[in-house]
Structures are given as structure tokens and as C-alpha cells.
C-alpha atoms as a PDB file:
ATOM      1  CA  MET A   1       0.000   0.000   0.000  1.00  0.00           C
ATOM      2  CA  ILE A   2       1.362   3.379  -0.996  1.00  0.00           C
ATOM      3  CA  SER A   3       1.024   5.968   1.746  1.00  0.00           C
ATOM      4  CA  LYS A   4      -1.135   9.057   1.316  1.00  0.00           C
ATOM      5  CA  GLY A   5       1.013  12.034   0.462  1.00  0.00           C
ATOM      6  CA  ALA A   6       3.582   9.975  -1.439  1.00  0.00           C
ATOM      7  CA  ARG A   7       5.718  12.002  -3.876  1.00  0.00           C
ATOM      8  CA  VAL A   8       7.573  10.988  -6.993  1.00  0.00           C
ATOM      9  CA  LEU A   9      10.252  12.929  -8.856  1.00  0.00           C
ATOM     10  CA  ILE A  10      10.115  12.527 -12.643  1.00  0.00           C
ATOM     11  CA  VAL A  11      13.326  13.418 -14.462  1.00  0.00           C
ATOM     12  CA  GLU A  12      12.741  13.646 -18.187  1.00  0.00           C
ATOM     13  CA  ALA A  13      15.290  14.072 -20.951  1.00  0.00           C
ATOM     14  CA  ARG A  14      13.942  16.611 -23.452  1.00  0.00           C
ATOM     15  CA  TYR A  15      16.324  15.896 -26.353  1.00  0.00           C
ATOM     16  CA  TYR A  16      13.435  14.369 -28.327  1.00  0.00           C
ATOM     17  CA  GLN A  17      10.670  16.628 -27.040  1.00  0.00           C
ATOM     18  CA  ASP A  18       7.729  14.886 -28.718  1.00  0.00           C
ATOM     19  CA  LEU A  19       8.822  11.519 -27.326  1.00  0.00           C
ATOM     20  CA  ALA A  20       9.414  13.038 -23.889  1.00  0.00           C
ATOM     21  CA  ASP A  21       5.893  14.506 -23.931  1.00  0.00           C
ATOM     22  CA  GLN A  22       4.386  11.087 -24.657  1.00  0.00           C
ATOM     23  CA  LEU A  23       6.493   9.323 -21.999  1.00  0.00           C
ATOM     24  CA  ALA A  24       5.567  11.956 -19.422  1.00  0.00           C
ATOM     25  CA  ALA A  25       1.874  11.832 -20.331  1.00  0.00           C
ATOM     26  CA  GLY A  26       1.830   8.071 -19.837  1.00  0.00           C
ATOM     27  CA  ALA A  27       3.624   8.290 -16.498  1.00  0.00           C
ATOM     28  CA  MET A  28       1.498  11.182 -15.237  1.00  0.00           C
ATOM     29  CA  ALA A  29      -1.754   9.365 -16.056  1.00  0.00           C
ATOM     30  CA  VAL A  30      -0.725   6.428 -13.853  1.00  0.00           C
ATOM     31  CA  LEU A  31       0.497   8.647 -11.019  1.00  0.00           C
ATOM     32  CA  ASP A  32      -2.626  10.841 -11.170  1.00  0.00           C
ATOM     33  CA  GLU A  33      -4.797   7.721 -11.035  1.00  0.00           C
ATOM     34  CA  HIS A  34      -3.076   6.779  -7.762  1.00  0.00           C
ATOM     35  CA  GLU A  35      -3.172  10.378  -6.453  1.00  0.00           C
ATOM     36  CA  ILE A  36       0.609  10.577  -6.250  1.00  0.00           C
ATOM     37  CA  ALA A  37       2.101  14.061  -5.998  1.00  0.00           C
ATOM     38  CA  THR A  38       4.757  14.679  -8.612  1.00  0.00           C
ATOM     39  CA  VAL A  39       7.562  17.057  -9.413  1.00  0.00           C
ATOM     40  CA  ARG A  40       8.893  17.090 -12.965  1.00  0.00           C
ATOM     41  CA  ILE A  41      12.399  18.214 -13.871  1.00  0.00           C
ATOM     42  CA  ALA A  42      13.551  18.536 -17.470  1.00  0.00           C
ATOM     43  CA  VAL A  43      17.144  17.803 -18.464  1.00  0.00           C
ATOM     44  CA  PRO A  44      18.802  18.157 -21.880  1.00  0.00           C
ATOM     45  CA  GLY A  45      19.420  14.454 -22.542  1.00  0.00           C
ATOM     46  CA  ALA A  46      19.503  10.978 -21.041  1.00  0.00           C
ATOM     47  CA  PHE A  47      23.081  11.372 -19.818  1.00  0.00           C
ATOM     48  CA  GLU A  48      21.965  14.021 -17.294  1.00  0.00           C
ATOM     49  CA  ILE A  49      19.141  11.975 -15.722  1.00  0.00           C
ATOM     50  CA  PRO A  50      21.194  10.046 -13.121  1.00  0.00           C
ATOM     51  CA  ALA A  51      23.013  13.188 -11.977  1.00  0.00           C
ATOM     52  CA  VAL A  52      19.774  15.047 -11.288  1.00  0.00           C
ATOM     53  CA  ILE A  53      18.274  12.117  -9.384  1.00  0.00           C
ATOM     54  CA  HIS A  54      21.483  11.891  -7.367  1.00  0.00           C
ATOM     55  CA  MET A  55      21.390  15.654  -6.704  1.00  0.00           C
ATOM     56  CA  ALA A  56      17.824  15.329  -5.439  1.00  0.00           C
ATOM     57  CA  MET A  57      18.798  12.457  -3.162  1.00  0.00           C
ATOM     58  CA  ARG A  58      21.986  14.038  -1.810  1.00  0.00           C
ATOM     59  CA  GLY A  59      20.784  17.611  -1.679  1.00  0.00           C
ATOM     60  CA  GLY A  60      18.245  16.797   0.987  1.00  0.00           C
ATOM     61  CA  GLY A  61      15.462  16.583  -1.560  1.00  0.00           C
ATOM     62  CA  GLY A  62      15.683  12.806  -1.782  1.00  0.00           C
ATOM     63  CA  ALA A  63      13.955  12.427   1.538  1.00  0.00           C
ATOM     64  CA  ALA A  64      11.112  14.449   0.070  1.00  0.00           C
ATOM     65  CA  TYR A  65      10.525  11.771  -2.605  1.00  0.00           C
ATOM     66  CA  ASP A  66       9.233   8.250  -2.191  1.00  0.00           C
ATOM     67  CA  GLY A  67      10.215   7.254  -5.709  1.00  0.00           C
ATOM     68  CA  PHE A  68      11.869   8.388  -8.910  1.00  0.00           C
ATOM     69  CA  ILE A  69      11.074   7.933 -12.595  1.00  0.00           C
ATOM     70  CA  ALA A  70      13.650   8.341 -15.355  1.00  0.00           C
ATOM     71  CA  LEU A  71      12.234   9.152 -18.798  1.00  0.00           C
ATOM     72  CA  GLY A  72      14.085   9.713 -22.044  1.00  0.00           C
ATOM     73  CA  CYS A  73      15.250   8.271 -25.311  1.00  0.00           C
ATOM     74  CA  VAL A  74      18.563   7.386 -26.922  1.00  0.00           C
ATOM     75  CA  LEU A  75      18.596   6.586 -30.640  1.00  0.00           C
ATOM     76  CA  ARG A  76      21.327   4.670 -32.411  1.00  0.00           C
ATOM     77  CA  GLY A  77      23.462   6.873 -34.617  1.00  0.00           C
ATOM     78  CA  GLU A  78      26.478   6.449 -36.830  1.00  0.00           C
ATOM     79  CA  THR A  79      29.039   6.147 -34.016  1.00  0.00           C
ATOM     80  CA  ASP A  80      29.403   4.114 -30.838  1.00  0.00           C
ATOM     81  CA  HIS A  81      28.193   7.080 -28.752  1.00  0.00           C
ATOM     82  CA  TYR A  82      24.824   5.289 -28.429  1.00  0.00           C
ATOM     83  CA  ASP A  83      26.425   2.249 -26.793  1.00  0.00           C
ATOM     84  CA  HIS A  84      28.311   4.332 -24.243  1.00  0.00           C
ATOM     85  CA  ILE A  85      25.322   6.483 -23.289  1.00  0.00           C
ATOM     86  CA  CYS A  86      22.909   3.540 -22.998  1.00  0.00           C
ATOM     87  CA  ARG A  87      25.316   1.508 -20.888  1.00  0.00           C
ATOM     88  CA  GLU A  88      26.371   4.327 -18.574  1.00  0.00           C
ATOM     89  CA  VAL A  89      22.891   5.778 -18.012  1.00  0.00           C
ATOM     90  CA  SER A  90      21.495   2.318 -17.277  1.00  0.00           C
ATOM     91  CA  ARG A  91      24.373   1.463 -14.928  1.00  0.00           C
ATOM     92  CA  ALA A  92      24.163   4.785 -13.087  1.00  0.00           C
ATOM     93  CA  LEU A  93      20.412   4.451 -12.576  1.00  0.00           C
ATOM     94  CA  MET A  94      20.762   0.855 -11.368  1.00  0.00           C
ATOM     95  CA  ASP A  95      23.493   1.920  -8.943  1.00  0.00           C
ATOM     96  CA  LEU A  96      21.320   4.744  -7.588  1.00  0.00           C
ATOM     97  CA  ALA A  97      18.396   2.392  -7.071  1.00  0.00           C
ATOM     98  CA  THR A  98      20.302  -0.474  -5.494  1.00  0.00           C
ATOM     99  CA  LEU A  99      22.917   1.380  -3.450  1.00  0.00           C
ATOM    100  CA  ASN A 100      20.397   3.845  -2.039  1.00  0.00           C
ATOM    101  CA  CYS A 101      17.401   1.500  -1.778  1.00  0.00           C
ATOM    102  CA  VAL A 102      15.128   3.837  -3.713  1.00  0.00           C
ATOM    103  CA  PRO A 103      12.220   2.883  -5.954  1.00  0.00           C
ATOM    104  CA  LEU A 104      13.071   3.912  -9.496  1.00  0.00           C
ATOM    105  CA  GLY A 105      11.015   3.410 -12.648  1.00  0.00           C
ATOM    106  CA  PHE A 106      13.198   3.038 -15.751  1.00  0.00           C
ATOM    107  CA  GLY A 107      11.626   4.694 -18.769  1.00  0.00           C
ATOM    108  CA  VAL A 108      14.670   5.441 -20.890  1.00  0.00           C
ATOM    109  CA  LEU A 109      14.068   4.081 -24.373  1.00  0.00           C
ATOM    110  CA  THR A 110      17.077   2.732 -26.249  1.00  0.00           C
ATOM    111  CA  CYS A 111      16.020   2.237 -29.852  1.00  0.00           C
ATOM    112  CA  ALA A 112      17.570   1.734 -33.250  1.00  0.00           C
ATOM    113  CA  THR A 113      15.164   4.126 -34.993  1.00  0.00           C
ATOM    114  CA  TYR A 114      12.931   7.069 -34.266  1.00  0.00           C
ATOM    115  CA  GLU A 115       9.899   5.043 -35.386  1.00  0.00           C
ATOM    116  CA  GLN A 116      10.645   2.312 -32.813  1.00  0.00           C
ATOM    117  CA  ALA A 117      10.896   4.988 -30.127  1.00  0.00           C
ATOM    118  CA  ARG A 118       7.693   6.707 -31.244  1.00  0.00           C
ATOM    119  CA  VAL A 119       5.699   3.462 -30.933  1.00  0.00           C
ATOM    120  CA  ARG A 120       7.183   2.704 -27.511  1.00  0.00           C
ATOM    121  CA  ALA A 121       6.641   6.216 -26.153  1.00  0.00           C
ATOM    122  CA  ALA A 122       3.112   6.741 -27.508  1.00  0.00           C
ATOM    123  CA  VAL A 123       0.329   6.681 -24.933  1.00  0.00           C
ATOM    124  CA  ASP A 124      -1.790   4.848 -27.511  1.00  0.00           C
ATOM    125  CA  GLY A 125       1.156   2.567 -28.338  1.00  0.00           C
ATOM    126  CA  LYS A 126       3.375   0.605 -25.973  1.00  0.00           C
ATOM    127  CA  ASN A 127       3.130   3.416 -23.395  1.00  0.00           C
ATOM    128  CA  LYS A 128       6.514   2.859 -21.746  1.00  0.00           C
ATOM    129  CA  GLY A 129       6.051   5.979 -19.603  1.00  0.00           C
ATOM    130  CA  ALA A 130       3.077   4.342 -17.896  1.00  0.00           C
ATOM    131  CA  GLU A 131       5.072   1.141 -17.535  1.00  0.00           C
ATOM    132  CA  ALA A 132       7.894   3.015 -15.770  1.00  0.00           C
ATOM    133  CA  ALA A 133       5.392   4.675 -13.427  1.00  0.00           C
ATOM    134  CA  ARG A 134       3.771   1.337 -12.560  1.00  0.00           C
ATOM    135  CA  ALA A 135       7.211  -0.151 -11.868  1.00  0.00           C
ATOM    136  CA  CYS A 136       8.058   2.758  -9.569  1.00  0.00           C
ATOM    137  CA  LEU A 137       4.771   2.397  -7.688  1.00  0.00           C
ATOM    138  CA  ARG A 138       5.278  -1.352  -7.256  1.00  0.00           C
ATOM    139  CA  MET A 139       8.769  -0.791  -5.897  1.00  0.00           C
ATOM    140  CA  MET A 140       7.391   1.833  -3.498  1.00  0.00           C
ATOM    141  CA  GLU A 141       4.885  -0.760  -2.268  1.00  0.00           C
ATOM    142  CA  LEU A 142       7.590  -3.378  -1.825  1.00  0.00           C
ATOM    143  CA  LYS A 143       9.845  -0.962   0.034  1.00  0.00           C
ATOM    144  CA  ALA A 144       6.998  -0.019   2.388  1.00  0.00           C
ATOM    145  CA  ALA A 145       6.186  -3.701   2.990  1.00  0.00           C
ATOM    146  CA  MET A 146       9.783  -4.845   3.414  1.00  0.00           C
ATOM    147  CA  PRO A 147       9.903  -4.865   7.246  1.00  0.00           C
ATOM    148  CA  SER A 148       6.781  -7.054   7.427  1.00  0.00           C
ATOM    149  CA  VAL A 149       8.087  -9.326   4.664  1.00  0.00           C
ATOM    150  CA  LEU A 150      11.281  -9.981   6.622  1.00  0.00           C
ATOM    151  CA  THR A 151       9.578 -10.876   9.901  1.00  0.00           C
END
């Protein structure tokens, strides 16, 4: 059960603004349905997402949030830049979640083409923003239940 007054920080990469809008709309619909208070922060690209979540956690703001959602998109290009960004963003977000025991919904698309990303981001498509929000909420529930699960 998620406590009343729960808050989630959404950090969204705005490099592909139309995709970011769809991801955020999907996530917000789920969070609104559960009456979760949200704060949204825009960053230039996916690379900046982990740093902002870490800033929120370390700057005292982390205690103000019960969960975090990372939204963005990385598209394959002509160089290996894609591989580095995907790997490092994913690793940094996993480290933040596991080392700090925080619920984190992963909604960073890593696609070969814009069309693949558009279908995955679209609210009337695969709706990966909503999926990330549901994952965050489930992890918030598990974290809240953890003491009773262990006894």
C-alpha cells in the first residue's frame, strides 16, 4: 500500500521533445490515477538523468521523494556514442536504485530508430512511460512492505 502524500520525482530528458511529452503523459496518467504528488524536472538528454536524481537524493530533496522515474530516449546513430550512453545511463540508474534503496522506474528508451521509439513512447502505443510509473509504484509498495516481509 502506498502511503497518502507519497511524492515521486520525474526526471525527463527533453532531447526528443515529442517523445518526452508522450512518456511523461503516460507516467502522469498512472500517477494521477493513484493520487501521487509529482515534481517534474527537465534535463537536456539521457546522460543528465542520473546526476539530477542523485542531486535530489543528496541535496536533501531525496527524503522528500518516495520514488523516482527516469524518462528519455537514446537513438542509435552512426558512431558508438549510443552504446556508451545507454550503458552508462542504465548502470548509473541501477546503482542509484540499489545502493540507495530507492524505488526507481526506468523509462529510458534505447532504440535503433525514431519510429521504434515513437511506438514505444506513444500513450496509444506501448506506453513505456506508464510502464515506468507502474514499476516505480510497485517498488514503493515493496519498500513499504519490506519490514513485514522480513519478519
